[in-house]
Amino acid sequence: MLTCKEQVARSSDYLDGQLTFRERLLVRHHLMFCPNCRRFIRQMRLMQATLKILPDEPVGDVDALAQQLAAERLKDQKGGE
């Protein structure tokens, strides 16, 4: 089984789908038994989703962007329940 340190080192490749079949199995096995690493992966997925919806150009209305990000997060949380 992977250690938490090994799991964290593979996290980006895991989320990007760049691991071999055997490596994905090792990661998933670790995630089944480690709530801290599951939480870490959820946080990384949230960060990826947040970065995807950020505009390419600087935003003048920061409050509107903050509201949009909060709405997206709520939508994602409701979809995951």
PDB file of N, CA and C in Angstrom:
ATOM      1  N   MET A   1       0.846  -1.180   0.000  1.00  0.00           N
ATOM      2  CA  MET A   1       0.000   0.000   0.000  1.00  0.00           C
ATOM      3  C   MET A   1       0.892   1.244   0.000  1.00  0.00           C
ATOM      4  N   LEU A   2       0.423   2.272  -0.648  1.00  0.00           N
ATOM      5  CA  LEU A   2       1.154   3.533  -0.702  1.00  0.00           C
ATOM      6  C   LEU A   2       1.117   4.235   0.653  1.00  0.00           C
ATOM      7  N   THR A   3       2.157   5.000   0.925  1.00  0.00           N
ATOM      8  CA  THR A   3       2.123   5.882   2.079  1.00  0.00           C
ATOM      9  C   THR A   3       1.415   7.173   1.661  1.00  0.00           C
ATOM     10  N   CYS A   4       1.039   7.980   2.638  1.00  0.00           N
ATOM     11  CA  CYS A   4       0.385   9.256   2.315  1.00  0.00           C
ATOM     12  C   CYS A   4       1.318  10.144   1.496  1.00  0.00           C
ATOM     13  N   LYS A   5       2.590  10.120   1.816  1.00  0.00           N
ATOM     14  CA  LYS A   5       3.561  10.925   1.079  1.00  0.00           C
ATOM     15  C   LYS A   5       3.628  10.480  -0.387  1.00  0.00           C
ATOM     16  N   GLU A   6       3.638   9.184  -0.633  1.00  0.00           N
ATOM     17  CA  GLU A   6       3.650   8.662  -2.008  1.00  0.00           C
ATOM     18  C   GLU A   6       2.348   9.024  -2.729  1.00  0.00           C
ATOM     19  N   GLN A   7       1.243   8.955  -1.988  1.00  0.00           N
ATOM     20  CA  GLN A   7      -0.060   9.297  -2.557  1.00  0.00           C
ATOM     21  C   GLN A   7      -0.077  10.753  -3.013  1.00  0.00           C
ATOM     22  N   VAL A   8       0.375  11.657  -2.172  1.00  0.00           N
ATOM     23  CA  VAL A   8       0.393  13.081  -2.508  1.00  0.00           C
ATOM     24  C   VAL A   8       1.273  13.326  -3.731  1.00  0.00           C
ATOM     25  N   ALA A   9       2.390  12.628  -3.808  1.00  0.00           N
ATOM     26  CA  ALA A   9       3.299  12.797  -4.946  1.00  0.00           C
ATOM     27  C   ALA A   9       2.643  12.377  -6.257  1.00  0.00           C
ATOM     28  N   ARG A  10       1.705  11.442  -6.204  1.00  0.00           N
ATOM     29  CA  ARG A  10       1.033  10.959  -7.411  1.00  0.00           C
ATOM     30  C   ARG A  10      -0.295  11.672  -7.696  1.00  0.00           C
ATOM     31  N   SER A  11      -0.732  12.518  -6.801  1.00  0.00           N
ATOM     32  CA  SER A  11      -2.074  13.095  -6.891  1.00  0.00           C
ATOM     33  C   SER A  11      -2.341  13.832  -8.200  1.00  0.00           C
ATOM     34  N   SER A  12      -1.434  14.683  -8.622  1.00  0.00           N
ATOM     35  CA  SER A  12      -1.652  15.445  -9.858  1.00  0.00           C
ATOM     36  C   SER A  12      -1.756  14.508 -11.058  1.00  0.00           C
ATOM     37  N   ASP A  13      -0.845  13.543 -11.133  1.00  0.00           N
ATOM     38  CA  ASP A  13      -0.893  12.595 -12.243  1.00  0.00           C
ATOM     39  C   ASP A  13      -2.172  11.757 -12.190  1.00  0.00           C
ATOM     40  N   TYR A  14      -2.613  11.414 -11.001  1.00  0.00           N
ATOM     41  CA  TYR A  14      -3.861  10.655 -10.845  1.00  0.00           C
ATOM     42  C   TYR A  14      -5.049  11.452 -11.374  1.00  0.00           C
ATOM     43  N   LEU A  15      -5.139  12.715 -10.969  1.00  0.00           N
ATOM     44  CA  LEU A  15      -6.264  13.547 -11.410  1.00  0.00           C
ATOM     45  C   LEU A  15      -6.203  13.863 -12.901  1.00  0.00           C
ATOM     46  N   ASP A  16      -5.008  13.896 -13.460  1.00  0.00           N
ATOM     47  CA  ASP A  16      -4.851  14.170 -14.891  1.00  0.00           C
ATOM     48  C   ASP A  16      -4.946  12.910 -15.739  1.00  0.00           C
ATOM     49  N   GLY A  17      -5.129  11.753 -15.103  1.00  0.00           N
ATOM     50  CA  GLY A  17      -5.255  10.495 -15.841  1.00  0.00           C
ATOM     51  C   GLY A  17      -3.951  10.028 -16.459  1.00  0.00           C
ATOM     52  N   GLN A  18      -2.837  10.313 -15.817  1.00  0.00           N
ATOM     53  CA  GLN A  18      -1.536   9.992 -16.390  1.00  0.00           C
ATOM     54  C   GLN A  18      -0.835   8.820 -15.695  1.00  0.00           C
ATOM     55  N   LEU A  19      -1.547   8.087 -14.877  1.00  0.00           N
ATOM     56  CA  LEU A  19      -0.947   6.938 -14.193  1.00  0.00           C
ATOM     57  C   LEU A  19      -1.231   5.669 -14.976  1.00  0.00           C
ATOM     58  N   THR A  20      -0.366   4.678 -14.785  1.00  0.00           N
ATOM     59  CA  THR A  20      -0.623   3.372 -15.371  1.00  0.00           C
ATOM     60  C   THR A  20      -1.779   2.711 -14.616  1.00  0.00           C
ATOM     61  N   PHE A  21      -2.284   1.637 -15.170  1.00  0.00           N
ATOM     62  CA  PHE A  21      -3.384   0.919 -14.536  1.00  0.00           C
ATOM     63  C   PHE A  21      -2.986   0.481 -13.123  1.00  0.00           C
ATOM     64  N   ARG A  22      -1.787  -0.066 -12.979  1.00  0.00           N
ATOM     65  CA  ARG A  22      -1.307  -0.538 -11.671  1.00  0.00           C
ATOM     66  C   ARG A  22      -1.193   0.628 -10.682  1.00  0.00           C
ATOM     67  N   GLU A  23      -0.669   1.755 -11.128  1.00  0.00           N
ATOM     68  CA  GLU A  23      -0.538   2.915 -10.252  1.00  0.00           C
ATOM     69  C   GLU A  23      -1.905   3.443  -9.819  1.00  0.00           C
ATOM     70  N   ARG A  24      -2.873   3.461 -10.753  1.00  0.00           N
ATOM     71  CA  ARG A  24      -4.236   3.899 -10.394  1.00  0.00           C
ATOM     72  C   ARG A  24      -4.836   2.981  -9.337  1.00  0.00           C
ATOM     73  N   LEU A  25      -4.608   1.672  -9.467  1.00  0.00           N
ATOM     74  CA  LEU A  25      -5.117   0.733  -8.463  1.00  0.00           C
ATOM     75  C   LEU A  25      -4.491   0.999  -7.095  1.00  0.00           C
ATOM     76  N   LEU A  26      -3.184   1.263  -7.080  1.00  0.00           N
ATOM     77  CA  LEU A  26      -2.517   1.561  -5.810  1.00  0.00           C
ATOM     78  C   LEU A  26      -3.099   2.822  -5.171  1.00  0.00           C
ATOM     79  N   VAL A  27      -3.328   3.847  -5.987  1.00  0.00           N
ATOM     80  CA  VAL A  27      -3.888   5.099  -5.475  1.00  0.00           C
ATOM     81  C   VAL A  27      -5.289   4.860  -4.932  1.00  0.00           C
ATOM     82  N   ARG A  28      -6.116   4.184  -5.706  1.00  0.00           N
ATOM     83  CA  ARG A  28      -7.497   3.944  -5.271  1.00  0.00           C
ATOM     84  C   ARG A  28      -7.536   3.092  -4.006  1.00  0.00           C
ATOM     85  N   HIS A  29      -6.654   2.124  -3.917  1.00  0.00           N
ATOM     86  CA  HIS A  29      -6.588   1.289  -2.715  1.00  0.00           C
ATOM     87  C   HIS A  29      -6.250   2.152  -1.501  1.00  0.00           C
ATOM     88  N   HIS A  30      -5.277   3.026  -1.648  1.00  0.00           N
ATOM     89  CA  HIS A  30      -4.908   3.916  -0.548  1.00  0.00           C
ATOM     90  C   HIS A  30      -6.084   4.823  -0.171  1.00  0.00           C
ATOM     91  N   LEU A  31      -6.761   5.374  -1.180  1.00  0.00           N
ATOM     92  CA  LEU A  31      -7.878   6.288  -0.909  1.00  0.00           C
ATOM     93  C   LEU A  31      -9.030   5.594  -0.187  1.00  0.00           C
ATOM     94  N   MET A  32      -9.198   4.295  -0.407  1.00  0.00           N
ATOM     95  CA  MET A  32     -10.258   3.565   0.284  1.00  0.00           C
ATOM     96  C   MET A  32     -10.053   3.580   1.797  1.00  0.00           C
ATOM     97  N   PHE A  33      -8.803   3.592   2.224  1.00  0.00           N
ATOM     98  CA  PHE A  33      -8.502   3.453   3.647  1.00  0.00           C
ATOM     99  C   PHE A  33      -8.012   4.729   4.316  1.00  0.00           C
ATOM    100  N   CYS A  34      -7.815   5.809   3.551  1.00  0.00           N
ATOM    101  CA  CYS A  34      -7.223   7.010   4.136  1.00  0.00           C
ATOM    102  C   CYS A  34      -8.140   8.225   3.939  1.00  0.00           C
ATOM    103  N   PRO A  35      -8.891   8.595   4.957  1.00  0.00           N
ATOM    104  CA  PRO A  35      -9.798   9.733   4.829  1.00  0.00           C
ATOM    105  C   PRO A  35      -9.059  11.059   4.599  1.00  0.00           C
ATOM    106  N   ASN A  36      -7.850  11.190   5.133  1.00  0.00           N
ATOM    107  CA  ASN A  36      -7.098  12.427   4.919  1.00  0.00           C
ATOM    108  C   ASN A  36      -6.711  12.606   3.455  1.00  0.00           C
ATOM    109  N   CYS A  37      -6.284  11.552   2.815  1.00  0.00           N
ATOM    110  CA  CYS A  37      -5.927  11.640   1.397  1.00  0.00           C
ATOM    111  C   CYS A  37      -7.166  11.814   0.520  1.00  0.00           C
ATOM    112  N   ARG A  38      -8.287  11.211   0.913  1.00  0.00           N
ATOM    113  CA  ARG A  38      -9.539  11.445   0.167  1.00  0.00           C
ATOM    114  C   ARG A  38      -9.905  12.916   0.229  1.00  0.00           C
ATOM    115  N   ARG A  39      -9.767  13.516   1.406  1.00  0.00           N
ATOM    116  CA  ARG A  39     -10.054  14.940   1.563  1.00  0.00           C
ATOM    117  C   ARG A  39      -9.100  15.769   0.700  1.00  0.00           C
ATOM    118  N   PHE A  40      -7.833  15.390   0.668  1.00  0.00           N
ATOM    119  CA  PHE A  40      -6.836  16.097  -0.138  1.00  0.00           C
ATOM    120  C   PHE A  40      -7.202  16.036  -1.622  1.00  0.00           C
ATOM    121  N   ILE A  41      -7.603  14.869  -2.104  1.00  0.00           N
ATOM    122  CA  ILE A  41      -7.995  14.716  -3.516  1.00  0.00           C
ATOM    123  C   ILE A  41      -9.235  15.550  -3.809  1.00  0.00           C
ATOM    124  N   ARG A  42     -10.210  15.563  -2.902  1.00  0.00           N
ATOM    125  CA  ARG A  42     -11.407  16.402  -3.100  1.00  0.00           C
ATOM    126  C   ARG A  42     -11.016  17.870  -3.206  1.00  0.00           C
ATOM    127  N   GLN A  43     -10.104  18.311  -2.353  1.00  0.00           N
ATOM    128  CA  GLN A  43      -9.652  19.700  -2.397  1.00  0.00           C
ATOM    129  C   GLN A  43      -8.930  20.007  -3.708  1.00  0.00           C
ATOM    130  N   MET A  44      -8.143  19.069  -4.180  1.00  0.00           N
ATOM    131  CA  MET A  44      -7.448  19.284  -5.456  1.00  0.00           C
ATOM    132  C   MET A  44      -8.445  19.351  -6.611  1.00  0.00           C
ATOM    133  N   ARG A  45      -9.468  18.495  -6.580  1.00  0.00           N
ATOM    134  CA  ARG A  45     -10.503  18.546  -7.632  1.00  0.00           C
ATOM    135  C   ARG A  45     -11.245  19.882  -7.611  1.00  0.00           C
ATOM    136  N   LEU A  46     -11.542  20.370  -6.419  1.00  0.00           N
ATOM    137  CA  LEU A  46     -12.205  21.661  -6.287  1.00  0.00           C
ATOM    138  C   LEU A  46     -11.314  22.772  -6.835  1.00  0.00           C
ATOM    139  N   MET A  47     -10.038  22.700  -6.533  1.00  0.00           N
ATOM    140  CA  MET A  47      -9.108  23.707  -7.040  1.00  0.00           C
ATOM    141  C   MET A  47      -9.038  23.662  -8.572  1.00  0.00           C
ATOM    142  N   GLN A  48      -8.986  22.470  -9.142  1.00  0.00           N
ATOM    143  CA  GLN A  48      -8.964  22.342 -10.603  1.00  0.00           C
ATOM    144  C   GLN A  48     -10.235  22.928 -11.214  1.00  0.00           C
ATOM    145  N   ALA A  49     -11.375  22.621 -10.623  1.00  0.00           N
ATOM    146  CA  ALA A  49     -12.643  23.133 -11.137  1.00  0.00           C
ATOM    147  C   ALA A  49     -12.693  24.653 -11.034  1.00  0.00           C
ATOM    148  N   THR A  50     -12.188  25.197  -9.944  1.00  0.00           N
ATOM    149  CA  THR A  50     -12.161  26.647  -9.752  1.00  0.00           C
ATOM    150  C   THR A  50     -11.273  27.305 -10.791  1.00  0.00           C
ATOM    151  N   LEU A  51     -10.110  26.733 -11.019  1.00  0.00           N
ATOM    152  CA  LEU A  51      -9.188  27.309 -12.003  1.00  0.00           C
ATOM    153  C   LEU A  51      -9.759  27.265 -13.416  1.00  0.00           C
ATOM    154  N   LYS A  52     -10.543  26.229 -13.716  1.00  0.00           N
ATOM    155  CA  LYS A  52     -11.136  26.115 -15.055  1.00  0.00           C
ATOM    156  C   LYS A  52     -12.157  27.215 -15.327  1.00  0.00           C
ATOM    157  N   ILE A  53     -12.863  27.665 -14.293  1.00  0.00           N
ATOM    158  CA  ILE A  53     -13.910  28.656 -14.546  1.00  0.00           C
ATOM    159  C   ILE A  53     -13.413  30.086 -14.392  1.00  0.00           C
ATOM    160  N   LEU A  54     -12.165  30.251 -13.952  1.00  0.00           N
ATOM    161  CA  LEU A  54     -11.633  31.605 -13.865  1.00  0.00           C
ATOM    162  C   LEU A  54     -11.462  32.183 -15.265  1.00  0.00           C
ATOM    163  N   PRO A  55     -11.775  33.453 -15.441  1.00  0.00           N
ATOM    164  CA  PRO A  55     -11.610  34.069 -16.761  1.00  0.00           C
ATOM    165  C   PRO A  55     -10.133  34.238 -17.112  1.00  0.00           C
ATOM    166  N   ASP A  56      -9.852  34.246 -18.413  1.00  0.00           N
ATOM    167  CA  ASP A  56      -8.477  34.426 -18.869  1.00  0.00           C
ATOM    168  C   ASP A  56      -7.997  35.855 -18.655  1.00  0.00           C
ATOM    169  N   GLU A  57      -8.898  36.795 -18.799  1.00  0.00           N
ATOM    170  CA  GLU A  57      -8.555  38.216 -18.656  1.00  0.00           C
ATOM    171  C   GLU A  57      -8.827  38.684 -17.226  1.00  0.00           C
ATOM    172  N   PRO A  58      -8.099  39.693 -16.771  1.00  0.00           N
ATOM    173  CA  PRO A  58      -8.387  40.249 -15.442  1.00  0.00           C
ATOM    174  C   PRO A  58      -9.828  40.750 -15.356  1.00  0.00           C
ATOM    175  N   VAL A  59     -10.410  40.565 -14.199  1.00  0.00           N
ATOM    176  CA  VAL A  59     -11.803  40.935 -13.990  1.00  0.00           C
ATOM    177  C   VAL A  59     -11.866  42.251 -13.230  1.00  0.00           C
ATOM    178  N   GLY A  60     -12.711  43.148 -13.709  1.00  0.00           N
ATOM    179  CA  GLY A  60     -12.875  44.426 -13.028  1.00  0.00           C
ATOM    180  C   GLY A  60     -13.764  44.300 -11.804  1.00  0.00           C
ATOM    181  N   ASP A  61     -14.797  43.455 -11.890  1.00  0.00           N
ATOM    182  CA  ASP A  61     -15.756  43.309 -10.794  1.00  0.00           C
ATOM    183  C   ASP A  61     -15.437  42.051  -9.991  1.00  0.00           C
ATOM    184  N   VAL A  62     -14.581  42.181  -9.009  1.00  0.00           N
ATOM    185  CA  VAL A  62     -14.138  41.049  -8.212  1.00  0.00           C
ATOM    186  C   VAL A  62     -15.292  40.454  -7.404  1.00  0.00           C
ATOM    187  N   ASP A  63     -16.211  41.296  -6.943  1.00  0.00           N
ATOM    188  CA  ASP A  63     -17.348  40.790  -6.169  1.00  0.00           C
ATOM    189  C   ASP A  63     -18.214  39.862  -7.008  1.00  0.00           C
ATOM    190  N   ALA A  64     -18.430  40.207  -8.262  1.00  0.00           N
ATOM    191  CA  ALA A  64     -19.227  39.353  -9.151  1.00  0.00           C
ATOM    192  C   ALA A  64     -18.530  38.014  -9.373  1.00  0.00           C
ATOM    193  N   LEU A  65     -17.211  38.058  -9.536  1.00  0.00           N
ATOM    194  CA  LEU A  65     -16.455  36.814  -9.711  1.00  0.00           C
ATOM    195  C   LEU A  65     -16.549  35.950  -8.457  1.00  0.00           C
ATOM    196  N   ALA A  66     -16.437  36.552  -7.286  1.00  0.00           N
ATOM    197  CA  ALA A  66     -16.538  35.807  -6.033  1.00  0.00           C
ATOM    198  C   ALA A  66     -17.915  35.145  -5.905  1.00  0.00           C
ATOM    199  N   GLN A  67     -18.972  35.861  -6.289  1.00  0.00           N
ATOM    200  CA  GLN A  67     -20.318  35.288  -6.233  1.00  0.00           C
ATOM    201  C   GLN A  67     -20.460  34.129  -7.216  1.00  0.00           C
ATOM    202  N   GLN A  68     -19.865  34.276  -8.404  1.00  0.00           N
ATOM    203  CA  GLN A  68     -19.927  33.208  -9.404  1.00  0.00           C
ATOM    204  C   GLN A  68     -19.213  31.958  -8.889  1.00  0.00           C
ATOM    205  N   LEU A  69     -18.029  32.145  -8.306  1.00  0.00           N
ATOM    206  CA  LEU A  69     -17.280  31.000  -7.780  1.00  0.00           C
ATOM    207  C   LEU A  69     -18.030  30.328  -6.634  1.00  0.00           C
ATOM    208  N   ALA A  70     -18.645  31.120  -5.762  1.00  0.00           N
ATOM    209  CA  ALA A  70     -19.418  30.560  -4.652  1.00  0.00           C
ATOM    210  C   ALA A  70     -20.615  29.765  -5.174  1.00  0.00           C
ATOM    211  N   ALA A  71     -21.279  30.286  -6.204  1.00  0.00           N
ATOM    212  CA  ALA A  71     -22.425  29.574  -6.791  1.00  0.00           C
ATOM    213  C   ALA A  71     -21.978  28.259  -7.423  1.00  0.00           C
ATOM    214  N   GLU A  72     -20.842  28.265  -8.113  1.00  0.00           N
ATOM    215  CA  GLU A  72     -20.318  27.041  -8.716  1.00  0.00           C
ATOM    216  C   GLU A  72     -19.968  26.006  -7.650  1.00  0.00           C
ATOM    217  N   ARG A  73     -19.392  26.471  -6.554  1.00  0.00           N
ATOM    218  CA  ARG A  73     -19.030  25.555  -5.476  1.00  0.00           C
ATOM    219  C   ARG A  73     -20.280  24.927  -4.862  1.00  0.00           C
ATOM    220  N   LEU A  74     -21.298  25.724  -4.622  1.00  0.00           N
ATOM    221  CA  LEU A  74     -22.546  25.177  -4.086  1.00  0.00           C
ATOM    222  C   LEU A  74     -23.165  24.162  -5.034  1.00  0.00           C
ATOM    223  N   LYS A  75     -23.134  24.466  -6.320  1.00  0.00           N
ATOM    224  CA  LYS A  75     -23.682  23.569  -7.323  1.00  0.00           C
ATOM    225  C   LYS A  75     -22.915  22.243  -7.313  1.00  0.00           C
ATOM    226  N   ASP A  76     -21.575  22.301  -7.218  1.00  0.00           N
ATOM    227  CA  ASP A  76     -20.757  21.098  -7.172  1.00  0.00           C
ATOM    228  C   ASP A  76     -21.010  20.294  -5.910  1.00  0.00           C
ATOM    229  N   GLN A  77     -21.185  20.982  -4.776  1.00  0.00           N
ATOM    230  CA  GLN A  77     -21.442  20.297  -3.522  1.00  0.00           C
ATOM    231  C   GLN A  77     -22.789  19.588  -3.550  1.00  0.00           C
ATOM    232  N   LYS A  78     -23.796  20.237  -4.108  1.00  0.00           N
ATOM    233  CA  LYS A  78     -25.120  19.621  -4.185  1.00  0.00           C
ATOM    234  C   LYS A  78     -25.119  18.439  -5.143  1.00  0.00           C
ATOM    235  N   GLY A  79     -24.312  18.532  -6.203  1.00  0.00           N
ATOM    236  CA  GLY A  79     -24.221  17.437  -7.172  1.00  0.00           C
ATOM    237  C   GLY A  79     -23.515  16.221  -6.613  1.00  0.00           C
ATOM    238  N   GLY A  80     -22.604  16.448  -5.640  1.00  0.00           N
ATOM    239  CA  GLY A  80     -21.838  15.350  -5.054  1.00  0.00           C
ATOM    240  C   GLY A  80     -22.521  14.647  -3.916  1.00  0.00           C
ATOM    241  N   GLU A  81     -23.637  15.180  -3.443  1.00  0.00           N
ATOM    242  CA  GLU A  81     -24.333  14.572  -2.291  1.00  0.00           C
ATOM    243  C   GLU A  81     -25.247  13.459  -2.718  1.00  0.00           C
TER     244      GLU A  81
END
